[in-house]
């Protein structure tokens, strides 16, 4: 007796949306934000591209849904790129500390933990860090693409280390320090990475920003 093939739930609205998110997470993690298109996501998920556009206003919104950010970085860091270069390290750090010490902290901690536990999630978090945060910190600064990438990586290493020590490991005195104290201690380091002269083997020498 021949039985009819089982019909999957692929056409269901909820299931299709989950397929889109799964494909988007995979492609963003493997190829990065810039190299991933909505059409490619739709193709990988096996859905019509119009469905992706129906659910998400654009690639930015889809990416945010993949990472499940508790806040929009553009709202938190919108003023950082407009801050004068010579004080941008302090502005960046104050904005991030304010965010981390808000109601969004539990969700941010979950993201931080998942980034260390999952290779794919870690790749997505790197995309957020370099595309959504560091591009604002580096906006308008002089230097070649290579030099700015180097500066961004140095800033990222400092910020990640601070957030892990303060919020994940709860290591004192960082965990109990106030914002002003942390800005006084860490702000100059970030500022040097952003606009100071970088020297060392294989490292280009950057020109300090005006006022430095």
N, C-alpha and C. Protein backbone atom coordinates (compact mmCIF):
# COMPACT_ATOMS: atom_id res chain seq x y z
N UNK A 1 0.85 -1.19 0.00
CA UNK A 1 0.00 0.00 0.00
C UNK A 1 0.89 1.25 0.00
N UNK A 2 0.69 2.12 -0.98
CA UNK A 2 1.50 3.32 -1.07
C UNK A 2 0.91 4.40 -0.18
N UNK A 3 1.75 4.99 0.57
CA UNK A 3 1.30 6.07 1.44
C UNK A 3 1.70 7.40 0.83
N UNK A 4 0.91 8.40 1.09
CA UNK A 4 1.21 9.73 0.57
C UNK A 4 2.41 10.30 1.31
N UNK A 5 3.27 11.02 0.60
CA UNK A 5 4.42 11.63 1.27
C UNK A 5 3.97 12.62 2.32
N UNK A 6 4.72 12.65 3.41
CA UNK A 6 4.36 13.57 4.49
C UNK A 6 4.61 15.01 4.04
N UNK A 7 3.69 15.82 4.39
CA UNK A 7 3.83 17.23 4.06
C UNK A 7 4.46 17.96 5.25
N UNK A 8 5.51 18.66 4.97
CA UNK A 8 6.17 19.43 6.02
C UNK A 8 5.40 20.72 6.28
N UNK A 9 5.91 21.50 7.25
CA UNK A 9 5.26 22.75 7.60
C UNK A 9 6.01 23.93 7.00
N UNK A 10 6.74 23.66 5.92
CA UNK A 10 7.59 24.68 5.33
C UNK A 10 6.82 25.92 4.90
N UNK A 11 5.55 25.72 4.55
CA UNK A 11 4.78 26.87 4.07
C UNK A 11 4.17 27.68 5.21
N UNK A 12 4.27 27.17 6.44
CA UNK A 12 3.71 27.89 7.56
C UNK A 12 4.49 29.18 7.79
N UNK A 13 3.77 30.22 8.16
CA UNK A 13 4.39 31.54 8.29
C UNK A 13 5.49 31.54 9.35
N UNK A 14 5.18 30.95 10.52
CA UNK A 14 6.16 30.93 11.60
C UNK A 14 7.38 30.09 11.23
N UNK A 15 7.15 28.92 10.66
CA UNK A 15 8.23 28.04 10.30
C UNK A 15 9.12 28.68 9.24
N UNK A 16 8.54 29.30 8.24
CA UNK A 16 9.31 29.94 7.19
C UNK A 16 10.17 31.06 7.77
N UNK A 17 9.62 31.79 8.69
CA UNK A 17 10.39 32.88 9.30
C UNK A 17 11.57 32.32 10.09
N UNK A 18 11.37 31.21 10.77
CA UNK A 18 12.47 30.57 11.49
C UNK A 18 13.54 30.09 10.52
N UNK A 19 13.11 29.58 9.35
CA UNK A 19 14.07 29.15 8.34
C UNK A 19 14.91 30.33 7.86
N UNK A 20 14.26 31.47 7.67
CA UNK A 20 14.97 32.67 7.23
C UNK A 20 15.99 33.09 8.27
N UNK A 21 15.61 33.10 9.54
CA UNK A 21 16.53 33.49 10.60
C UNK A 21 17.71 32.52 10.70
N UNK A 22 17.41 31.24 10.56
CA UNK A 22 18.48 30.24 10.62
C UNK A 22 19.47 30.42 9.48
N UNK A 23 18.96 30.63 8.29
CA UNK A 23 19.83 30.85 7.13
C UNK A 23 20.62 32.15 7.27
N UNK A 24 19.95 33.19 7.76
CA UNK A 24 20.63 34.48 7.92
C UNK A 24 21.76 34.38 8.93
N UNK A 25 21.50 33.72 10.06
CA UNK A 25 22.56 33.56 11.06
C UNK A 25 23.76 32.82 10.47
N UNK A 26 23.48 31.78 9.72
CA UNK A 26 24.56 31.00 9.12
C UNK A 26 25.36 31.83 8.12
N UNK A 27 24.67 32.52 7.23
CA UNK A 27 25.36 33.27 6.18
C UNK A 27 26.10 34.49 6.73
N UNK A 28 25.49 35.18 7.70
CA UNK A 28 26.17 36.32 8.31
C UNK A 28 27.44 35.85 9.01
N UNK A 29 27.35 34.71 9.70
CA UNK A 29 28.51 34.21 10.43
C UNK A 29 29.61 33.74 9.49
N UNK A 30 29.22 33.11 8.38
CA UNK A 30 30.21 32.54 7.46
C UNK A 30 30.81 33.58 6.53
N UNK A 31 29.99 34.51 6.04
CA UNK A 31 30.45 35.44 5.00
C UNK A 31 30.53 36.90 5.44
N UNK A 32 29.97 37.20 6.62
CA UNK A 32 29.98 38.58 7.07
C UNK A 32 28.77 39.35 6.58
N UNK A 33 28.58 40.51 7.17
CA UNK A 33 27.40 41.32 6.87
C UNK A 33 27.41 41.83 5.43
N UNK A 34 28.53 42.41 5.02
CA UNK A 34 28.59 43.06 3.71
C UNK A 34 28.40 42.07 2.56
N UNK A 35 28.88 40.85 2.72
CA UNK A 35 28.85 39.87 1.64
C UNK A 35 27.57 39.05 1.60
N UNK A 36 26.63 39.32 2.50
CA UNK A 36 25.38 38.56 2.56
C UNK A 36 24.23 39.43 2.08
N UNK A 37 23.45 38.93 1.14
CA UNK A 37 22.30 39.67 0.62
C UNK A 37 21.00 39.00 1.07
N UNK A 38 19.93 39.76 1.06
CA UNK A 38 18.63 39.20 1.41
C UNK A 38 18.21 38.13 0.42
N UNK A 39 18.57 38.29 -0.85
CA UNK A 39 18.23 37.28 -1.86
C UNK A 39 18.94 35.96 -1.56
N UNK A 40 20.21 36.06 -1.12
CA UNK A 40 20.95 34.84 -0.78
C UNK A 40 20.34 34.16 0.44
N UNK A 41 19.90 34.94 1.40
CA UNK A 41 19.25 34.38 2.58
C UNK A 41 17.98 33.65 2.18
N UNK A 42 17.18 34.28 1.32
CA UNK A 42 15.93 33.66 0.86
C UNK A 42 16.21 32.36 0.12
N UNK A 43 17.23 32.38 -0.73
CA UNK A 43 17.58 31.18 -1.49
C UNK A 43 18.00 30.04 -0.57
N UNK A 44 18.82 30.36 0.42
CA UNK A 44 19.28 29.34 1.36
C UNK A 44 18.14 28.78 2.19
N UNK A 45 17.18 29.65 2.54
CA UNK A 45 16.04 29.22 3.35
C UNK A 45 14.96 28.54 2.53
N UNK A 46 15.03 28.67 1.20
CA UNK A 46 14.03 28.06 0.34
C UNK A 46 12.71 28.79 0.34
N UNK A 47 12.76 30.12 0.49
CA UNK A 47 11.53 30.90 0.49
C UNK A 47 11.63 31.99 -0.57
N UNK A 48 10.49 32.58 -0.90
CA UNK A 48 10.47 33.66 -1.87
C UNK A 48 11.11 34.91 -1.24
N UNK A 49 11.97 35.61 -1.98
CA UNK A 49 12.59 36.83 -1.44
C UNK A 49 11.57 37.85 -0.95
N UNK A 50 10.39 37.86 -1.55
CA UNK A 50 9.36 38.80 -1.11
C UNK A 50 8.96 38.56 0.34
N UNK A 51 9.04 37.30 0.78
CA UNK A 51 8.68 36.99 2.16
C UNK A 51 9.68 37.63 3.13
N UNK A 52 10.95 37.59 2.76
CA UNK A 52 11.97 38.19 3.62
C UNK A 52 11.74 39.70 3.73
N UNK A 53 11.42 40.34 2.60
CA UNK A 53 11.16 41.77 2.60
C UNK A 53 9.88 42.10 3.36
N UNK A 54 8.95 41.17 3.38
CA UNK A 54 7.71 41.39 4.11
C UNK A 54 7.95 41.41 5.61
N UNK A 55 8.82 40.53 6.09
CA UNK A 55 9.08 40.42 7.52
C UNK A 55 10.09 41.45 8.02
N UNK A 56 11.06 41.80 7.17
CA UNK A 56 12.14 42.68 7.61
C UNK A 56 12.31 43.84 6.63
N UNK A 57 12.42 45.03 7.18
CA UNK A 57 12.50 46.23 6.35
C UNK A 57 13.77 46.26 5.51
N UNK A 58 14.78 45.56 5.95
CA UNK A 58 16.04 45.53 5.21
C UNK A 58 17.03 44.61 5.88
N UNK A 59 18.23 44.56 5.34
CA UNK A 59 19.25 43.66 5.87
C UNK A 59 19.62 44.02 7.31
N UNK A 60 19.64 45.31 7.61
CA UNK A 60 19.99 45.76 8.96
C UNK A 60 19.02 45.19 10.00
N UNK A 61 17.74 45.24 9.69
CA UNK A 61 16.73 44.74 10.62
C UNK A 61 16.83 43.22 10.76
N UNK A 62 17.10 42.53 9.66
CA UNK A 62 17.27 41.08 9.72
C UNK A 62 18.49 40.72 10.56
N UNK A 63 19.57 41.46 10.39
CA UNK A 63 20.78 41.19 11.16
C UNK A 63 20.52 41.39 12.65
N UNK A 64 19.82 42.46 12.99
CA UNK A 64 19.50 42.71 14.41
C UNK A 64 18.68 41.57 14.99
N UNK A 65 17.75 41.03 14.19
CA UNK A 65 16.91 39.93 14.67
C UNK A 65 17.75 38.68 14.89
N UNK A 66 18.77 38.48 14.06
CA UNK A 66 19.64 37.30 14.20
C UNK A 66 20.43 37.35 15.50
N UNK A 67 20.93 38.52 15.83
CA UNK A 67 21.77 38.66 17.02
C UNK A 67 20.94 38.88 18.27
N UNK A 68 19.70 39.30 18.11
CA UNK A 68 18.78 39.55 19.22
C UNK A 68 19.35 40.60 20.16
N UNK A 69 19.74 41.73 19.60
CA UNK A 69 20.26 42.82 20.41
C UNK A 69 19.15 43.41 21.27
N UNK A 70 19.45 43.70 22.53
CA UNK A 70 18.40 44.28 23.39
C UNK A 70 18.12 45.74 23.08
N UNK A 71 19.06 46.41 22.40
CA UNK A 71 18.88 47.81 22.03
C UNK A 71 19.50 48.02 20.66
N UNK A 72 19.13 49.12 20.03
CA UNK A 72 19.71 49.47 18.74
C UNK A 72 20.99 50.26 18.99
N UNK A 73 22.15 49.74 18.57
CA UNK A 73 23.41 50.47 18.79
C UNK A 73 23.39 51.88 18.23
N UNK A 74 22.63 52.11 17.16
CA UNK A 74 22.58 53.44 16.58
C UNK A 74 22.01 54.46 17.56
N UNK A 75 21.07 54.03 18.40
CA UNK A 75 20.48 54.94 19.38
C UNK A 75 21.44 55.21 20.52
N UNK A 76 22.19 54.18 20.92
CA UNK A 76 23.10 54.33 22.05
C UNK A 76 24.36 55.08 21.66
N UNK A 77 24.85 54.82 20.45
CA UNK A 77 26.14 55.37 20.02
C UNK A 77 26.01 56.44 18.95
N UNK A 78 24.79 56.91 18.71
CA UNK A 78 24.57 57.86 17.63
C UNK A 78 25.43 59.11 17.72
N UNK A 79 25.70 59.57 18.96
CA UNK A 79 26.45 60.82 19.12
C UNK A 79 27.96 60.61 19.12
N UNK A 80 28.42 59.35 19.22
CA UNK A 80 29.85 59.10 19.33
C UNK A 80 30.60 59.55 18.08
N UNK A 81 30.05 59.24 16.90
CA UNK A 81 30.74 59.58 15.66
C UNK A 81 30.80 61.09 15.44
N UNK A 82 29.94 61.85 16.14
CA UNK A 82 29.94 63.31 16.02
C UNK A 82 30.79 63.98 17.08
N UNK A 83 31.32 63.18 18.02
CA UNK A 83 32.17 63.72 19.08
C UNK A 83 33.54 64.06 18.51
N UNK A 84 34.14 65.17 18.91
CA UNK A 84 35.48 65.50 18.42
C UNK A 84 36.45 64.35 18.64
N UNK A 85 37.32 64.14 17.66
CA UNK A 85 38.23 62.99 17.69
C UNK A 85 39.05 62.92 18.96
N UNK A 86 39.46 64.07 19.48
CA UNK A 86 40.37 64.09 20.63
C UNK A 86 39.72 63.67 21.94
N UNK A 87 38.39 63.54 21.99
CA UNK A 87 37.72 63.10 23.22
C UNK A 87 36.79 61.91 22.93
N UNK A 88 36.97 61.27 21.81
CA UNK A 88 36.03 60.22 21.42
C UNK A 88 36.19 58.95 22.25
N UNK A 89 37.38 58.68 22.74
CA UNK A 89 37.58 57.49 23.57
C UNK A 89 36.72 57.55 24.81
N UNK A 90 36.68 58.71 25.45
CA UNK A 90 35.85 58.90 26.64
C UNK A 90 34.37 58.78 26.29
N UNK A 91 33.95 59.39 25.19
CA UNK A 91 32.55 59.35 24.79
C UNK A 91 32.09 57.93 24.51
N UNK A 92 32.93 57.16 23.81
CA UNK A 92 32.60 55.77 23.51
C UNK A 92 32.46 54.95 24.77
N UNK A 93 33.41 55.10 25.68
CA UNK A 93 33.37 54.31 26.91
C UNK A 93 32.17 54.68 27.77
N UNK A 94 31.88 55.97 27.90
CA UNK A 94 30.73 56.38 28.72
C UNK A 94 29.42 55.84 28.14
N UNK A 95 29.29 55.86 26.82
CA UNK A 95 28.07 55.35 26.20
C UNK A 95 27.90 53.86 26.47
N UNK A 96 28.98 53.11 26.35
CA UNK A 96 28.90 51.66 26.56
C UNK A 96 28.68 51.31 28.03
N UNK A 97 29.31 52.03 28.94
CA UNK A 97 29.09 51.77 30.36
C UNK A 97 27.65 52.08 30.75
N UNK A 98 27.11 53.16 30.21
CA UNK A 98 25.71 53.50 30.48
C UNK A 98 24.78 52.40 29.99
N UNK A 99 25.07 51.85 28.82
CA UNK A 99 24.26 50.77 28.28
C UNK A 99 24.36 49.52 29.15
N UNK A 100 25.59 49.14 29.51
CA UNK A 100 25.79 47.91 30.28
C UNK A 100 25.19 48.01 31.68
N UNK A 101 25.17 49.20 32.24
CA UNK A 101 24.61 49.36 33.58
C UNK A 101 23.15 49.78 33.54
N UNK A 102 22.46 49.33 32.50
CA UNK A 102 21.03 49.61 32.34
C UNK A 102 20.24 48.31 32.43
N UNK A 103 18.96 48.39 32.15
CA UNK A 103 18.11 47.19 32.18
C UNK A 103 18.50 46.18 31.11
N UNK A 104 19.32 46.59 30.14
CA UNK A 104 19.73 45.68 29.07
C UNK A 104 20.86 44.75 29.49
N UNK A 105 21.40 44.92 30.70
CA UNK A 105 22.56 44.13 31.10
C UNK A 105 22.36 42.61 31.03
N UNK A 106 21.24 42.06 31.52
CA UNK A 106 21.07 40.59 31.44
C UNK A 106 21.14 40.08 30.00
N UNK A 107 20.51 40.78 29.08
CA UNK A 107 20.55 40.35 27.67
C UNK A 107 21.96 40.48 27.11
N UNK A 108 22.67 41.52 27.48
CA UNK A 108 24.05 41.68 27.00
C UNK A 108 24.96 40.60 27.56
N UNK A 109 24.75 40.23 28.81
CA UNK A 109 25.53 39.14 29.40
C UNK A 109 25.26 37.83 28.68
N UNK A 110 24.00 37.60 28.33
CA UNK A 110 23.66 36.37 27.59
C UNK A 110 24.37 36.35 26.24
N UNK A 111 24.43 37.51 25.57
CA UNK A 111 25.14 37.59 24.29
C UNK A 111 26.63 37.32 24.48
N UNK A 112 27.20 37.88 25.53
CA UNK A 112 28.63 37.70 25.79
C UNK A 112 28.95 36.23 26.06
N UNK A 113 28.10 35.58 26.84
CA UNK A 113 28.32 34.16 27.13
C UNK A 113 28.17 33.31 25.87
N UNK A 114 27.16 33.62 25.06
CA UNK A 114 26.94 32.83 23.85
C UNK A 114 28.08 33.02 22.85
N UNK A 115 28.69 34.20 22.86
CA UNK A 115 29.79 34.47 21.94
C UNK A 115 30.99 33.61 22.25
N UNK A 116 31.19 33.29 23.54
CA UNK A 116 32.33 32.45 23.92
C UNK A 116 32.01 30.96 23.82
N UNK A 117 30.71 30.62 23.78
CA UNK A 117 30.32 29.21 23.76
C UNK A 117 30.04 28.69 22.36
N UNK A 118 29.72 29.58 21.42
CA UNK A 118 29.34 29.16 20.07
C UNK A 118 30.18 29.90 19.04
N UNK A 119 30.81 29.15 18.15
CA UNK A 119 31.63 29.75 17.09
C UNK A 119 30.79 30.63 16.18
N UNK A 120 29.61 30.13 15.80
CA UNK A 120 28.74 30.91 14.91
C UNK A 120 28.25 32.17 15.59
N UNK A 121 27.83 32.05 16.86
CA UNK A 121 27.35 33.23 17.57
C UNK A 121 28.49 34.22 17.80
N UNK A 122 29.68 33.69 18.06
CA UNK A 122 30.83 34.56 18.21
C UNK A 122 31.11 35.36 16.96
N UNK A 123 30.93 34.73 15.80
CA UNK A 123 31.14 35.43 14.53
C UNK A 123 30.11 36.54 14.35
N UNK A 124 28.87 36.30 14.77
CA UNK A 124 27.84 37.32 14.67
C UNK A 124 28.13 38.50 15.59
N UNK A 125 28.59 38.19 16.80
CA UNK A 125 28.90 39.25 17.75
C UNK A 125 30.06 40.09 17.23
N UNK A 126 31.03 39.46 16.57
CA UNK A 126 32.12 40.22 15.98
C UNK A 126 31.60 41.17 14.91
N UNK A 127 30.61 40.70 14.15
CA UNK A 127 30.01 41.57 13.14
C UNK A 127 29.37 42.79 13.79
N UNK A 128 28.67 42.58 14.90
CA UNK A 128 28.06 43.69 15.61
C UNK A 128 29.13 44.66 16.09
N UNK A 129 30.18 44.11 16.69
CA UNK A 129 31.22 44.94 17.26
C UNK A 129 31.90 45.80 16.21
N UNK A 130 32.28 45.17 15.09
CA UNK A 130 33.04 45.90 14.10
C UNK A 130 32.16 46.73 13.17
N UNK A 131 30.94 46.26 12.91
CA UNK A 131 30.10 47.00 11.97
C UNK A 131 29.28 48.09 12.64
N UNK A 132 28.76 47.81 13.82
CA UNK A 132 27.81 48.71 14.44
C UNK A 132 28.44 49.64 15.47
N UNK A 133 29.53 49.21 16.11
CA UNK A 133 30.12 50.00 17.18
C UNK A 133 31.40 50.69 16.74
N UNK A 134 32.35 49.92 16.23
CA UNK A 134 33.65 50.50 15.90
C UNK A 134 33.59 51.44 14.70
N UNK A 135 32.68 51.19 13.77
CA UNK A 135 32.58 52.12 12.64
C UNK A 135 32.19 53.51 13.10
N UNK A 136 31.40 53.60 14.17
CA UNK A 136 31.03 54.90 14.72
C UNK A 136 32.20 55.53 15.46
N UNK A 137 32.97 54.70 16.16
CA UNK A 137 34.12 55.23 16.88
C UNK A 137 35.19 55.74 15.92
N UNK A 138 35.30 55.11 14.74
CA UNK A 138 36.35 55.46 13.79
C UNK A 138 35.90 56.45 12.73
N UNK A 139 34.63 56.80 12.71
CA UNK A 139 34.09 57.66 11.66
C UNK A 139 34.84 59.00 11.58
N UNK A 140 35.32 59.31 10.39
CA UNK A 140 35.97 60.59 10.16
C UNK A 140 37.43 60.68 10.58
N UNK A 141 37.96 59.62 11.17
CA UNK A 141 39.37 59.65 11.59
C UNK A 141 40.27 59.46 10.37
N UNK A 142 41.43 60.11 10.35
CA UNK A 142 42.34 59.97 9.21
C UNK A 142 43.06 58.63 9.25
N UNK A 143 43.56 58.20 8.09
CA UNK A 143 44.33 56.96 8.03
C UNK A 143 43.82 56.03 6.96
N UNK A 144 44.67 55.11 6.56
CA UNK A 144 44.30 54.11 5.56
C UNK A 144 43.33 53.12 6.16
N UNK A 145 42.70 52.33 5.29
CA UNK A 145 41.78 51.29 5.75
C UNK A 145 42.49 50.31 6.68
N UNK A 146 43.73 49.96 6.33
CA UNK A 146 44.50 49.03 7.14
C UNK A 146 44.76 49.61 8.54
N UNK A 147 45.13 50.89 8.57
CA UNK A 147 45.42 51.52 9.86
C UNK A 147 44.17 51.61 10.72
N UNK A 148 43.05 52.00 10.12
CA UNK A 148 41.81 52.11 10.87
C UNK A 148 41.34 50.74 11.37
N UNK A 149 41.53 49.71 10.55
CA UNK A 149 41.19 48.36 11.00
C UNK A 149 42.02 47.97 12.21
N UNK A 150 43.30 48.34 12.19
CA UNK A 150 44.18 48.04 13.32
C UNK A 150 43.73 48.79 14.56
N UNK A 151 43.40 50.05 14.39
CA UNK A 151 42.91 50.83 15.53
C UNK A 151 41.62 50.22 16.09
N UNK A 152 40.72 49.82 15.20
CA UNK A 152 39.47 49.22 15.65
C UNK A 152 39.69 47.94 16.42
N UNK A 153 40.62 47.11 15.97
CA UNK A 153 40.91 45.85 16.66
C UNK A 153 41.48 46.11 18.05
N UNK A 154 42.32 47.12 18.18
CA UNK A 154 42.89 47.45 19.49
C UNK A 154 41.81 47.97 20.44
N UNK A 155 40.93 48.83 19.93
CA UNK A 155 39.83 49.32 20.75
C UNK A 155 38.93 48.17 21.18
N UNK A 156 38.64 47.26 20.26
CA UNK A 156 37.79 46.12 20.58
C UNK A 156 38.40 45.25 21.67
N UNK A 157 39.71 45.01 21.58
CA UNK A 157 40.36 44.17 22.59
C UNK A 157 40.25 44.79 23.97
N UNK A 158 40.39 46.11 24.05
CA UNK A 158 40.29 46.79 25.34
C UNK A 158 38.87 46.74 25.89
N UNK A 159 37.89 47.00 25.03
CA UNK A 159 36.49 47.02 25.47
C UNK A 159 36.01 45.63 25.88
N UNK A 160 36.36 44.62 25.09
CA UNK A 160 35.91 43.27 25.42
C UNK A 160 36.52 42.82 26.74
N UNK A 161 37.82 43.09 26.93
CA UNK A 161 38.46 42.72 28.18
C UNK A 161 37.82 43.39 29.38
N UNK A 162 37.47 44.67 29.23
CA UNK A 162 36.84 45.39 30.32
C UNK A 162 35.46 44.84 30.63
N UNK A 163 34.65 44.58 29.59
CA UNK A 163 33.30 44.08 29.82
C UNK A 163 33.31 42.68 30.44
N UNK A 164 34.22 41.84 30.00
CA UNK A 164 34.33 40.50 30.58
C UNK A 164 34.73 40.58 32.05
N UNK A 165 35.75 41.40 32.35
CA UNK A 165 36.23 41.51 33.72
C UNK A 165 35.18 42.13 34.65
N UNK A 166 34.51 43.17 34.17
CA UNK A 166 33.58 43.92 35.02
C UNK A 166 32.23 43.22 35.18
N UNK A 167 31.69 42.72 34.08
CA UNK A 167 30.31 42.23 34.12
C UNK A 167 30.19 40.71 34.15
N UNK A 168 31.13 40.01 33.55
CA UNK A 168 31.03 38.55 33.53
C UNK A 168 31.79 37.93 34.70
N UNK A 169 33.04 38.33 34.91
CA UNK A 169 33.84 37.78 35.99
C UNK A 169 33.63 38.52 37.31
N UNK A 170 33.08 39.73 37.23
CA UNK A 170 32.84 40.55 38.42
C UNK A 170 34.14 40.75 39.20
N UNK A 171 35.21 41.04 38.49
CA UNK A 171 36.52 41.18 39.11
C UNK A 171 36.69 42.60 39.65
N UNK A 172 36.97 42.70 40.94
CA UNK A 172 37.25 43.99 41.55
C UNK A 172 38.73 44.32 41.36
N UNK A 173 39.06 45.61 41.27
CA UNK A 173 38.22 46.79 41.53
C UNK A 173 37.38 47.24 40.34
N UNK A 174 37.50 46.57 39.18
CA UNK A 174 36.75 47.00 38.00
C UNK A 174 35.25 46.87 38.20
N UNK A 175 34.81 45.81 38.87
CA UNK A 175 33.38 45.56 39.02
C UNK A 175 32.69 46.62 39.88
N UNK A 176 33.40 47.14 40.85
CA UNK A 176 32.78 48.11 41.76
C UNK A 176 33.12 49.56 41.44
N UNK A 177 33.96 49.78 40.45
CA UNK A 177 34.36 51.14 40.10
C UNK A 177 33.20 51.90 39.46
N UNK A 178 33.15 53.20 39.71
CA UNK A 178 32.16 54.05 39.08
C UNK A 178 32.57 54.41 37.67
N UNK A 179 31.64 54.99 36.94
CA UNK A 179 31.91 55.34 35.54
C UNK A 179 33.05 56.34 35.42
N UNK A 180 33.05 57.36 36.28
CA UNK A 180 34.09 58.38 36.19
C UNK A 180 35.47 57.77 36.42
N UNK A 181 35.56 56.86 37.37
CA UNK A 181 36.84 56.22 37.66
C UNK A 181 37.31 55.37 36.48
N UNK A 182 36.39 54.61 35.89
CA UNK A 182 36.76 53.78 34.75
C UNK A 182 37.15 54.62 33.55
N UNK A 183 36.43 55.70 33.34
CA UNK A 183 36.77 56.59 32.21
C UNK A 183 38.15 57.18 32.41
N UNK A 184 38.48 57.55 33.66
CA UNK A 184 39.80 58.11 33.93
C UNK A 184 40.90 57.08 33.71
N UNK A 185 40.62 55.81 34.01
CA UNK A 185 41.63 54.76 33.88
C UNK A 185 41.74 54.22 32.46
N UNK A 186 40.62 53.96 31.83
CA UNK A 186 40.60 53.27 30.54
C UNK A 186 40.45 54.22 29.36
N UNK A 187 39.79 55.35 29.59
CA UNK A 187 39.57 56.30 28.51
C UNK A 187 40.83 56.70 27.76
N UNK A 188 41.93 57.04 28.47
CA UNK A 188 43.15 57.42 27.77
C UNK A 188 43.72 56.31 26.89
N UNK A 189 43.54 55.06 27.31
CA UNK A 189 44.02 53.94 26.50
C UNK A 189 43.23 53.85 25.20
N UNK A 190 41.91 53.96 25.31
CA UNK A 190 41.07 53.95 24.11
C UNK A 190 41.40 55.13 23.21
N UNK A 191 41.62 56.27 23.81
CA UNK A 191 41.94 57.45 23.02
C UNK A 191 43.25 57.28 22.26
N UNK A 192 44.22 56.67 22.91
CA UNK A 192 45.49 56.42 22.22
C UNK A 192 45.30 55.47 21.04
N UNK A 193 44.50 54.44 21.24
CA UNK A 193 44.24 53.50 20.15
C UNK A 193 43.51 54.18 19.00
N UNK A 194 42.67 55.16 19.32
CA UNK A 194 41.90 55.84 18.27
C UNK A 194 42.72 56.87 17.51
N UNK A 195 43.51 57.64 18.21
CA UNK A 195 44.16 58.78 17.55
C UNK A 195 45.66 58.89 17.81
N UNK A 196 46.20 58.09 18.72
CA UNK A 196 47.61 58.20 19.04
C UNK A 196 48.49 57.56 17.99
N UNK A 197 49.80 57.71 18.16
CA UNK A 197 50.77 57.11 17.25
C UNK A 197 50.96 55.64 17.59
N UNK A 198 50.73 54.79 16.63
CA UNK A 198 50.89 53.34 16.82
C UNK A 198 52.24 52.93 16.26
N UNK A 199 53.05 52.31 17.09
CA UNK A 199 54.35 51.85 16.63
C UNK A 199 54.53 50.40 17.03
N UNK A 200 55.43 49.74 16.34
CA UNK A 200 55.70 48.34 16.62
C UNK A 200 55.92 47.59 15.34
N UNK A 201 56.37 46.39 15.45
CA UNK A 201 56.67 45.58 14.27
C UNK A 201 55.42 45.35 13.44
N UNK A 202 55.49 45.72 12.18
CA UNK A 202 54.37 45.50 11.26
C UNK A 202 53.23 46.47 11.47
N UNK A 203 53.46 47.51 12.25
CA UNK A 203 52.39 48.46 12.54
C UNK A 203 52.72 49.80 11.93
N UNK A 204 51.75 50.37 11.22
CA UNK A 204 51.97 51.67 10.61
C UNK A 204 51.94 52.75 11.66
N UNK A 205 52.61 53.84 11.38
CA UNK A 205 52.60 54.96 12.28
C UNK A 205 51.43 55.87 11.94
N UNK A 206 50.55 56.08 12.88
CA UNK A 206 49.38 56.89 12.62
C UNK A 206 49.64 58.34 12.98
N UNK A 207 48.94 59.22 12.36
CA UNK A 207 49.06 60.64 12.67
C UNK A 207 48.04 61.01 13.73
N UNK A 208 48.48 61.62 14.81
CA UNK A 208 47.53 62.01 15.85
C UNK A 208 46.50 62.98 15.29
N UNK A 209 45.32 62.90 15.84
CA UNK A 209 44.26 63.80 15.42
C UNK A 209 44.57 65.20 15.93
N UNK A 210 44.00 66.22 15.30
CA UNK A 210 44.21 67.59 15.76
C UNK A 210 43.91 67.72 17.24
N UNK A 211 44.77 68.40 17.94
CA UNK A 211 44.56 68.62 19.35
C UNK A 211 45.26 67.62 20.23
N UNK A 212 45.83 66.53 19.60
CA UNK A 212 46.50 65.51 20.40
C UNK A 212 47.98 65.85 20.53
